[in-house]
Every structure is written in structure tokens, then in C-alpha cells.
Amino acid sequence: MTDTSEYRPATRLIHGGVTRTQFGETAEALFLTSGFVYDSAEQAEATFNNTIRHYQYSRFGNPTVAMLEARLAEIEDAEACRATATGMAAVHAALMCHLRTGDRVVAARALFGSCHWIVSTLLPRFGIETEFVDGADPAAWRAALAKPAALVLLETPSNPMLEIVDLRLIAELAHAAGAIVVVDNVFATPLLQRPLAFGADVVVYSCTKHIDGQGRVLGGAVLGRRAWIEEVLQPYIRNTGPSISPFNAWLLLKGLETLALRLDAACRGAETLAGFLAAQSGVARVWYPSRADHPQQALAMAQMAAGGTMVTFEVAGGKPAAFRLMNALRLIAVSNNLGDSKSLVTHPATTTHMRIGAEERARLGITDGVIRLSVGLEDPRDLEDDLARGLAARAGD
């Protein structure tokens, strides 16, 4: 495997984790195989009793998947990584492998809808106590973590309101309470934010988003210390089977090669569009982490290298106005995905956060006028024109 430890992130995104076969291929090899053969029955026995290392079955491990895991670990500066079939498989595995009946979980209230369901609905079915807190309120975290806990779950920036959580503070409080900290870092990506450097124990990704970045495949990843990955997470993944397809892993490897370029362009575009939207009549508010009017701008820029690719804004007129705006767009597509090369909009109250209920949405500030914009790689001037068209339709012009 290529040693890229001396290189900078953009270089490691291309060369990290590469293992070449005897044929000396330039592109990473795609091992599209379910199983592997052994030289002898004795080698098979030694493989299964872990006295030698040999690939057994692609549910347990695969050379293409291993390259993806190695590259992600290098970029994140993590000791180890395991890839999964989807981002939600990564979140589910990271929580369930660690928790037991009688444990207690503290989570930021601002979570992606499916993550919120796991904490609010699934974990209590197994006798696990859960508590939600306002992620931006240090006092709420202190109160919740004044008694023992097993795990803390948060995302920062949050989906969709771009709330920022103080990673260093929460890690200190969580560790004092006996908990590990699991951070969903999908909005920031490993290039804009390093949760492990701020004290987090585990980082999870939906690789479907920026890492693929072209709307092609699903994938997820869990990263952390080697002992936890191999002794706690790996047995759970091995025996429950949320394994990623080698083909999907190969596409994600190729996606990583252009991540730095795509992310830089999309962040610049997002910052431009946030400024554009803030100046438009009919836009009640804009949320973007690097803007001076973001309530946690200082914290965001202390943890992140840039504001990210997501812009959230609220239009006057509620759901009817938001729908008129979205339906008038010609270039920006309506989709619940994000982190794509194509710009996308969604209405969280009726899609990604519909099932958390109106009361919880109100607590999070997700009104019927809120729209989440994932900025892609189009010329920002064309995106401005498209949003202007939508805003005119919102007002009935």
C-alpha cells in the first residue's frame, strides 16, 4: 500500500490507500467478487481462526473496499475505517455496536430525520434511555451530561438549519460522563472539519453525498480508533451484513480524487449565493456558517475551514410560497439529496424532516418557508438567475 503520510490532503485524496496487483494497473482495481479461494484447507482454517490474514468473503472484507477505507482513514487522520452500504447503515452500526440495554444516549436535537428516528424510536425499544438537547446550548449539554451516559450523537453543521455544535466542549463533557462522541460530519466533509482533532471518538459519513458527489451510488463510513473499530464495530458489521458493494467502493474512490476541487468550487458558489439571497426581498432569513449574521459564525470558523456547500433560507409566505419558488426553478432540481455536482433544493418540512413532527420541527426552526439549497458546480451567475426566477414566482410576479 502506498505511504502518503508526507503529502497534503489533495494529494492523499488521489494516492491514499492504493494497493496495486502484479499487473501494475494505474486505476484502482475493482475486485467484483463475493468470495475468495485458498491454497489449501489448512490456509482456510488459519484464515478463519485469525492466525493469518487472507480475504474470506466480501461481506467481511474486500480489496477494493479496503482501499476506500484506507484512503478515508488517511484523510480523516483516523486509525481505522469501515465502509458500509449507506450513510444510515454507518450511523446505525456505530450506535448499535456500542450500546447495551440500560445505557443512556444524549443527542443533539438537530439531527437528520432518520438519525432522529433511531434515537427517538429505535433505541428505546431495546431499553436504551435517550435524551435530546439543544445542540447550540452549552448549559443544556452540561445538564444532560451531569449524569452518566454511554454515547453522544450530534451533527455539525446540522441538517438543515446549519446549527453549529462546540465539538471540543461536548467531547470534554461527554468523556467526563463516560460517553463516546459520535459525529455525523457529512455537511462539512473531512476537508472542512476534523471532529477527531476536537476530541470526538467516532466520525460517520454518508459517502453518497460529497464523497461521491455525482449522484451515482450509496455508501457510508465509520472512522475512529483502531481498537474500537476492530473489536467493537467490526464484529457487528461482519455479522449483521451492512457491507458496501465493491463497485460502489470503487466509484467512491474515484469520487475522492476530485473532492478537493469540487468542494472548493461549491463552497465559493455557496458563499456567493448566500449573499445574493440575503439581499433579495421575500427572503426572510439566510443561514450560512461563514456569514457574519450566522449566530455561531465565530465557532463555525474556529472548527471549519470554510462555510460549506449548503445554504438554508426562509421565504415569506410559508409552504405555498416555498413550493411556488421551487416549482419555478429550471436549473436547480428538486431533490432530497445533497452534496452533488448539480445544485439541488428540498423543502425539509415535507421531506427529510416530515416524520419528526410539527412540534419538533418548530423547536428546530424548520418552518414551512424554509428551503435547503445544496450548491453544485454550475456558474453561480446562472444559479442566481434561477433563484431570481423562483423568487419572482414566489411573490406571484
Protein backbone atom coordinates (compact mmCIF):
# COMPACT_ATOMS: atom_id res chain seq x y z
CA MET A 1 0.00 0.00 0.00
CA THR A 2 1.30 3.45 -0.93
CA ASP A 3 2.57 5.54 2.01
CA THR A 4 1.20 9.07 1.53
CA SER A 5 1.65 10.35 5.08
CA GLU A 6 4.10 13.07 3.96
CA TYR A 7 1.64 14.59 1.47
CA ARG A 8 -1.08 17.21 1.76
CA PRO A 9 -4.83 16.33 1.70
CA ALA A 10 -5.44 16.97 -2.02
CA THR A 11 -2.62 14.56 -2.90
CA ARG A 12 -3.75 11.96 -0.38
CA LEU A 13 -7.23 12.05 -1.91
CA ILE A 14 -5.70 10.68 -5.10
CA HIS A 15 -2.95 8.36 -3.89
CA GLY A 16 -4.01 7.28 -0.39
CA GLY A 17 -4.63 3.59 0.21
CA VAL A 18 -3.66 2.42 -3.28
CA THR A 19 -2.70 -1.25 -3.49
CA ARG A 20 -1.62 -2.46 -6.94
CA THR A 21 -1.79 -6.03 -8.19
CA GLN A 22 1.01 -7.76 -10.07
CA PHE A 23 -0.35 -6.19 -13.26
CA GLY A 24 0.61 -2.66 -12.20
CA GLU A 25 -2.70 -1.02 -13.07
CA THR A 26 -2.97 2.79 -12.90
CA ALA A 27 -6.56 2.96 -11.65
CA GLU A 28 -7.52 1.12 -8.50
CA ALA A 29 -8.52 -2.46 -9.27
CA LEU A 30 -12.17 -3.42 -8.95
CA PHE A 31 -12.47 -6.77 -7.18
CA LEU A 32 -16.04 -7.61 -8.08
CA THR A 33 -16.15 -10.93 -6.28
CA SER A 34 -18.24 -12.35 -3.47
CA GLY A 35 -15.69 -14.89 -2.24
CA PHE A 36 -12.02 -15.85 -2.29
CA VAL A 37 -10.18 -19.16 -2.67
CA TYR A 38 -7.43 -20.70 -0.54
CA ASP A 39 -4.30 -22.57 -1.47
CA SER A 40 -5.26 -25.34 0.93
CA ALA A 41 -7.72 -26.41 3.60
CA GLU A 42 -5.05 -25.52 6.16
CA GLN A 43 -4.90 -21.94 4.84
CA ALA A 44 -8.68 -21.66 5.08
CA GLU A 45 -8.59 -22.88 8.68
CA ALA A 46 -5.82 -20.45 9.57
CA THR A 47 -7.75 -17.63 7.96
CA PHE A 48 -10.87 -18.32 9.98
CA ASN A 49 -9.02 -18.66 13.28
CA ASN A 50 -7.17 -15.41 12.54
CA THR A 51 -3.65 -16.78 12.61
CA ILE A 52 -3.07 -15.45 9.08
CA ARG A 53 -4.61 -12.57 7.14
CA HIS A 54 -6.43 -13.57 3.97
CA TYR A 55 -9.64 -12.31 2.37
CA GLN A 56 -12.54 -14.65 3.10
CA TYR A 57 -15.79 -13.15 1.86
CA SER A 58 -16.70 -9.68 0.62
CA ARG A 59 -19.17 -9.21 3.46
CA PHE A 60 -16.15 -9.35 5.78
CA GLY A 61 -13.63 -7.51 3.62
CA ASN A 62 -12.68 -6.85 0.01
CA PRO A 63 -9.51 -5.38 -1.55
CA THR A 64 -11.35 -2.53 -3.30
CA VAL A 65 -13.30 -1.71 -0.16
CA ALA A 66 -10.08 -1.86 1.85
CA MET A 67 -8.53 0.79 -0.39
CA LEU A 68 -11.51 3.08 0.19
CA GLU A 69 -11.29 2.53 3.94
CA ALA A 70 -7.56 3.22 3.98
CA ARG A 71 -7.93 6.41 1.96
CA LEU A 72 -10.75 7.74 4.12
CA ALA A 73 -8.77 6.96 7.27
CA GLU A 74 -5.75 8.84 5.91
CA ILE A 75 -7.81 11.92 5.05
CA GLU A 76 -9.59 11.92 8.40
CA ASP A 77 -6.35 11.19 10.31
CA ALA A 78 -8.19 8.25 11.87
CA GLU A 79 -6.57 4.99 12.92
CA ALA A 80 -9.12 2.84 11.10
CA CYS A 81 -12.28 2.91 8.98
CA ARG A 82 -15.06 0.57 7.95
CA ALA A 83 -17.20 1.28 4.90
CA THR A 84 -20.91 0.47 4.83
CA ALA A 85 -23.66 0.20 2.26
CA THR A 86 -25.23 3.57 3.14
CA GLY A 87 -24.74 6.52 5.44
CA MET A 88 -27.61 5.39 7.65
CA ALA A 89 -26.04 1.93 7.88
CA ALA A 90 -22.93 3.69 9.21
CA VAL A 91 -24.91 5.62 11.83
CA HIS A 92 -26.91 2.54 12.85
CA ALA A 93 -23.83 0.35 13.16
CA ALA A 94 -21.84 2.97 15.09
CA LEU A 95 -24.60 3.23 17.68
CA MET A 96 -25.85 -0.34 17.97
CA CYS A 97 -22.42 -1.95 18.15
CA HIS A 98 -21.60 0.13 21.22
CA LEU A 99 -24.88 0.31 23.15
CA ARG A 100 -26.50 -2.15 25.54
CA THR A 101 -29.81 -2.31 27.37
CA GLY A 102 -29.73 0.14 30.26
CA ASP A 103 -27.33 2.56 28.54
CA ARG A 104 -28.09 6.22 28.12
CA VAL A 105 -27.68 8.32 24.96
CA VAL A 106 -27.62 12.11 24.74
CA ALA A 107 -28.16 13.57 21.27
CA ALA A 108 -28.39 16.98 19.71
CA ARG A 109 -32.00 17.67 18.75
CA ALA A 110 -30.94 18.88 15.30
CA LEU A 111 -30.41 15.57 13.53
CA PHE A 112 -31.24 14.25 10.08
CA GLY A 113 -34.73 12.73 10.14
CA SER A 114 -33.60 9.08 10.04
CA CYS A 115 -30.97 9.67 12.74
CA HIS A 116 -33.63 11.33 14.88
CA TRP A 117 -35.84 8.24 14.42
CA ILE A 118 -33.08 5.90 15.58
CA VAL A 119 -32.59 7.90 18.77
CA SER A 120 -36.23 8.70 19.49
CA THR A 121 -37.87 5.44 18.41
CA LEU A 122 -35.47 2.55 17.81
CA LEU A 123 -33.09 2.78 20.77
CA PRO A 124 -35.85 2.91 23.43
CA ARG A 125 -37.24 -0.37 22.03
CA PHE A 126 -34.04 -2.00 23.30
CA GLY A 127 -34.21 -0.44 26.75
CA ILE A 128 -31.80 2.39 25.96
CA GLU A 129 -32.60 5.75 27.55
CA THR A 130 -32.35 8.74 25.21
CA GLU A 131 -32.36 12.48 25.76
CA PHE A 132 -32.36 15.30 23.21
CA VAL A 133 -30.75 18.66 23.90
CA ASP A 134 -30.38 21.95 22.07
CA GLY A 135 -27.03 21.40 20.38
CA ALA A 136 -26.12 25.10 20.44
CA ASP A 137 -26.75 25.46 24.19
CA PRO A 138 -23.71 24.56 26.36
CA ALA A 139 -25.85 24.69 29.51
CA ALA A 140 -28.20 22.06 28.10
CA TRP A 141 -25.26 19.76 27.37
CA ARG A 142 -23.84 20.31 30.85
CA ALA A 143 -27.15 19.43 32.45
CA ALA A 144 -27.68 16.33 30.31
CA LEU A 145 -24.14 15.08 30.83
CA ALA A 146 -24.08 15.72 34.56
CA LYS A 147 -25.06 12.07 34.94
CA PRO A 148 -23.50 9.02 33.25
CA ALA A 149 -24.02 8.33 29.56
CA ALA A 150 -22.70 5.77 27.10
CA LEU A 151 -22.82 7.74 23.85
CA VAL A 152 -23.34 11.24 22.47
CA LEU A 153 -24.58 11.76 18.90
CA LEU A 154 -24.51 15.06 17.04
CA GLU A 155 -24.09 16.59 13.61
CA THR A 156 -22.43 19.93 12.93
CA PRO A 157 -23.34 21.84 10.86
CA SER A 158 -26.80 20.39 11.34
CA ASN A 159 -29.29 19.40 8.67
CA PRO A 160 -30.99 21.61 7.56
CA MET A 161 -30.61 24.68 9.81
CA LEU A 162 -26.78 24.68 9.84
CA GLU A 163 -26.56 24.83 13.63
CA ILE A 164 -23.02 24.56 14.98
CA VAL A 165 -22.09 22.41 17.99
CA ASP A 166 -18.95 23.12 20.03
CA LEU A 167 -17.07 19.89 19.44
CA ARG A 168 -14.28 20.41 21.96
CA LEU A 169 -16.66 21.32 24.79
CA ILE A 170 -19.05 18.44 24.11
CA ALA A 171 -16.19 15.96 23.91
CA GLU A 172 -14.90 17.08 27.31
CA LEU A 173 -18.34 16.86 28.90
CA ALA A 174 -19.13 13.51 27.28
CA HIS A 175 -15.88 11.87 28.29
CA ALA A 176 -16.35 13.04 31.88
CA ALA A 177 -19.77 11.33 31.79
CA GLY A 178 -18.26 8.11 30.41
CA ALA A 179 -19.60 8.52 26.87
CA ILE A 180 -18.04 8.26 23.47
CA VAL A 181 -18.82 11.04 20.98
CA VAL A 182 -20.15 10.13 17.53
CA VAL A 183 -20.19 12.99 15.00
CA ASP A 184 -22.06 12.99 11.70
CA ASN A 185 -19.65 15.12 9.64
CA VAL A 186 -21.40 14.83 6.28
CA PHE A 187 -22.08 18.54 5.72
CA ALA A 188 -18.50 19.60 6.49
CA THR A 189 -16.66 16.63 4.88
CA PRO A 190 -13.21 15.62 6.15
CA LEU A 191 -11.66 18.53 4.27
CA LEU A 192 -13.55 21.27 6.10
CA GLN A 193 -13.74 19.82 9.61
CA ARG A 194 -11.84 17.19 11.63
CA PRO A 195 -14.00 16.12 14.57
CA LEU A 196 -11.37 13.70 15.89
CA ALA A 197 -8.95 16.60 16.34
CA PHE A 198 -11.51 18.28 18.62
CA GLY A 199 -11.92 15.21 20.83
CA ALA A 200 -14.63 13.18 19.08
CA ASP A 201 -14.21 9.41 19.17
CA VAL A 202 -16.12 8.31 16.07
CA VAL A 203 -16.95 10.05 12.79
CA VAL A 204 -19.66 8.84 10.41
CA TYR A 205 -20.31 9.77 6.79
CA SER A 206 -22.86 9.29 4.13
CA CYS A 207 -20.40 8.83 1.27
CA THR A 208 -23.42 9.17 -1.01
CA LYS A 209 -23.09 12.94 -0.60
CA HIS A 210 -19.91 14.94 -1.30
CA ILE A 211 -17.56 11.95 -1.44
CA ASP A 212 -19.34 10.50 -4.46
CA GLY A 213 -20.61 13.95 -5.32
CA GLN A 214 -22.18 12.96 -8.61
CA GLY A 215 -25.40 11.24 -7.61
CA ARG A 216 -24.30 7.75 -8.61
CA VAL A 217 -24.07 5.37 -5.67
CA LEU A 218 -24.84 4.89 -1.99
CA GLY A 219 -22.18 4.38 0.66
CA GLY A 220 -21.22 5.12 4.25
CA ALA A 221 -18.21 5.07 6.52
CA VAL A 222 -17.37 4.85 10.22
CA LEU A 223 -13.96 6.07 11.43
CA GLY A 224 -12.22 6.03 14.80
CA ARG A 225 -9.57 4.38 16.93
CA ARG A 226 -8.32 1.04 15.69
CA ALA A 227 -9.19 -0.88 18.85
CA TRP A 228 -12.82 0.30 18.81
CA ILE A 229 -13.19 -0.26 15.06
CA GLU A 230 -11.75 -3.76 15.12
CA GLU A 231 -13.05 -5.03 18.47
CA VAL A 232 -16.44 -3.32 18.77
CA LEU A 233 -17.60 -2.24 15.32
CA GLN A 234 -16.12 -4.95 13.09
CA PRO A 235 -17.88 -7.93 14.73
CA TYR A 236 -21.20 -6.11 14.44
CA ILE A 237 -20.69 -5.26 10.77
CA ARG A 238 -19.34 -8.72 9.97
CA ASN A 239 -22.32 -10.50 11.46
CA THR A 240 -25.15 -8.13 10.51
CA GLY A 241 -24.03 -7.52 6.93
CA PRO A 242 -24.32 -3.79 6.05
CA SER A 243 -21.42 -4.26 3.62
CA ILE A 244 -20.77 -1.94 0.70
CA SER A 245 -20.62 -3.23 -2.87
CA PRO A 246 -17.04 -3.29 -4.25
CA PHE A 247 -18.33 -1.45 -7.31
CA ASN A 248 -19.75 1.33 -5.15
CA ALA A 249 -16.49 1.47 -3.21
CA TRP A 250 -14.57 1.80 -6.46
CA LEU A 251 -16.75 4.72 -7.60
CA LEU A 252 -16.29 6.41 -4.23
CA LEU A 253 -12.52 6.04 -4.60
CA LYS A 254 -12.77 7.86 -7.92
CA GLY A 255 -15.02 10.48 -6.34
CA LEU A 256 -12.42 11.19 -3.66
CA GLU A 257 -9.89 12.09 -6.36
CA THR A 258 -11.85 15.23 -7.24
CA LEU A 259 -13.30 16.05 -3.81
CA ALA A 260 -10.92 18.93 -3.08
CA LEU A 261 -11.61 20.61 -6.41
CA ARG A 262 -15.37 20.11 -6.21
CA LEU A 263 -15.63 21.21 -2.61
CA ASP A 264 -13.61 24.37 -3.16
CA ALA A 265 -15.76 25.44 -6.11
CA ALA A 266 -19.05 24.57 -4.39
CA CYS A 267 -18.09 26.42 -1.20
CA ARG A 268 -17.24 29.55 -3.17
CA GLY A 269 -20.53 29.26 -5.03
CA ALA A 270 -22.48 28.73 -1.79
CA GLU A 271 -20.97 31.81 -0.18
CA THR A 272 -21.87 33.87 -3.24
CA LEU A 273 -25.45 32.60 -3.31
CA ALA A 274 -25.90 33.15 0.42
CA GLY A 275 -25.02 36.79 -0.11
CA PHE A 276 -27.32 37.01 -3.11
CA LEU A 277 -30.28 35.52 -1.26
CA ALA A 278 -29.75 37.73 1.78
CA ALA A 279 -30.21 40.81 -0.44
CA GLN A 280 -33.48 39.66 -2.01
CA SER A 281 -36.92 40.85 -1.00
CA GLY A 282 -39.13 37.99 0.04
CA VAL A 283 -36.24 36.16 1.74
CA ALA A 284 -36.87 36.42 5.46
CA ARG A 285 -33.54 34.93 6.56
CA VAL A 286 -30.44 33.15 5.30
CA TRP A 287 -28.28 30.68 7.23
CA TYR A 288 -24.68 30.11 6.12
CA PRO A 289 -21.92 29.31 8.66
CA SER A 290 -19.26 31.79 7.48
CA ARG A 291 -21.61 34.79 7.23
CA ALA A 292 -21.36 37.44 9.93
CA ASP A 293 -25.10 37.16 10.57
CA HIS A 294 -24.91 33.47 11.44
CA PRO A 295 -25.44 33.29 15.23
CA GLN A 296 -22.46 30.95 15.66
CA GLN A 297 -20.16 32.30 12.95
CA ALA A 298 -17.12 32.55 15.26
CA LEU A 299 -17.48 28.96 16.46
CA ALA A 300 -18.12 27.70 12.93
CA MET A 301 -14.94 29.28 11.61
CA ALA A 302 -12.94 28.01 14.59
CA GLN A 303 -13.93 24.44 13.66
CA MET A 304 -14.33 24.64 9.88
CA ALA A 305 -12.03 25.66 7.04
CA ALA A 306 -14.92 27.16 5.02
CA GLY A 307 -18.67 27.63 5.21
CA GLY A 308 -19.57 24.51 3.26
CA THR A 309 -21.81 23.79 0.28
CA MET A 310 -25.20 24.16 1.96
CA VAL A 311 -27.30 27.32 2.20
CA THR A 312 -30.60 27.38 4.07
CA PHE A 313 -33.08 30.20 3.61
CA GLU A 314 -36.62 31.07 4.61
CA VAL A 315 -39.10 32.73 2.30
CA ALA A 316 -42.09 34.77 3.36
CA GLY A 317 -45.40 33.12 2.63
CA GLY A 318 -44.79 29.66 4.08
CA LYS A 319 -45.27 26.41 2.20
CA PRO A 320 -47.27 27.82 -0.76
CA ALA A 321 -44.56 30.42 -1.45
CA ALA A 322 -41.75 27.90 -0.99
CA PHE A 323 -43.43 25.49 -3.39
CA ARG A 324 -44.02 28.21 -5.98
CA LEU A 325 -40.34 29.13 -5.80
CA MET A 326 -39.13 25.55 -6.14
CA ASN A 327 -41.52 24.71 -8.97
CA ALA A 328 -40.36 27.73 -10.98
CA LEU A 329 -36.70 26.69 -10.96
CA ARG A 330 -35.32 25.46 -14.28
CA LEU A 331 -31.69 24.74 -13.44
CA ILE A 332 -31.78 23.80 -9.76
CA ALA A 333 -33.53 20.45 -9.32
CA VAL A 334 -35.91 19.48 -6.54
CA SER A 335 -34.31 16.56 -4.69
CA ASN A 336 -33.77 15.37 -1.13
CA ASN A 337 -30.14 14.50 -1.92
CA LEU A 338 -27.24 16.90 -1.34
CA GLY A 339 -23.52 17.31 -1.97
CA ASP A 340 -23.97 16.73 -5.71
CA SER A 341 -22.25 18.41 -8.65
CA LYS A 342 -25.76 19.55 -9.60
CA SER A 343 -27.45 22.15 -7.39
CA LEU A 344 -30.48 20.78 -5.55
CA VAL A 345 -33.25 22.19 -3.35
CA THR A 346 -35.55 20.49 -0.88
CA HIS A 347 -38.36 21.51 1.44
CA PRO A 348 -37.35 19.86 4.75
CA ALA A 349 -40.74 20.22 6.44
CA THR A 350 -42.39 17.96 3.85
CA THR A 351 -39.47 15.65 3.02
CA THR A 352 -36.34 14.95 5.10
CA HIS A 353 -37.83 16.14 8.41
CA MET A 354 -41.50 15.40 7.82
CA ARG A 355 -41.70 12.43 10.18
CA ILE A 356 -40.21 14.14 13.23
CA GLY A 357 -43.49 16.04 13.61
CA ALA A 358 -44.56 19.66 13.61
CA GLU A 359 -43.71 20.26 17.27
CA GLU A 360 -40.12 19.05 16.88
CA ARG A 361 -39.71 20.99 13.63
CA ALA A 362 -40.85 24.13 15.44
CA ARG A 363 -38.20 23.57 18.10
CA LEU A 364 -35.57 23.30 15.37
CA GLY A 365 -36.79 26.38 13.49
CA ILE A 366 -37.81 24.37 10.43
CA THR A 367 -40.75 26.45 9.31
CA ASP A 368 -42.87 25.80 6.24
CA GLY A 369 -40.97 28.58 4.47
CA VAL A 370 -37.53 27.00 4.94
CA ILE A 371 -35.70 25.72 1.85
CA ARG A 372 -32.39 23.87 1.88
CA LEU A 373 -30.11 24.57 -1.08
CA SER A 374 -27.21 22.26 -1.91
CA VAL A 375 -24.89 24.25 -4.16
CA GLY A 376 -23.22 22.39 -7.01
CA LEU A 377 -20.67 23.27 -9.66
CA GLU A 378 -22.73 25.42 -12.02
CA ASP A 379 -21.74 29.01 -12.71
CA PRO A 380 -23.07 30.97 -9.67
CA ARG A 381 -24.44 33.63 -12.01
CA ASP A 382 -26.73 31.08 -13.64
CA LEU A 383 -27.83 29.89 -10.21
CA GLU A 384 -28.57 33.48 -9.19
CA ASP A 385 -30.72 33.91 -12.29
CA ASP A 386 -32.60 30.71 -11.48
CA LEU A 387 -33.20 31.72 -7.87
CA ALA A 388 -34.37 35.16 -9.02
CA ARG A 389 -36.88 33.38 -11.28
CA GLY A 390 -38.06 31.33 -8.33
CA LEU A 391 -38.33 34.34 -6.05
CA ALA A 392 -40.44 36.17 -8.63
CA ALA A 393 -42.77 33.16 -8.81
CA ARG A 394 -42.91 33.02 -5.00
CA ALA A 395 -44.34 36.52 -4.95
CA GLY A 396 -46.71 35.74 -7.81
CA ASP A 397 -44.89 38.11 -10.20
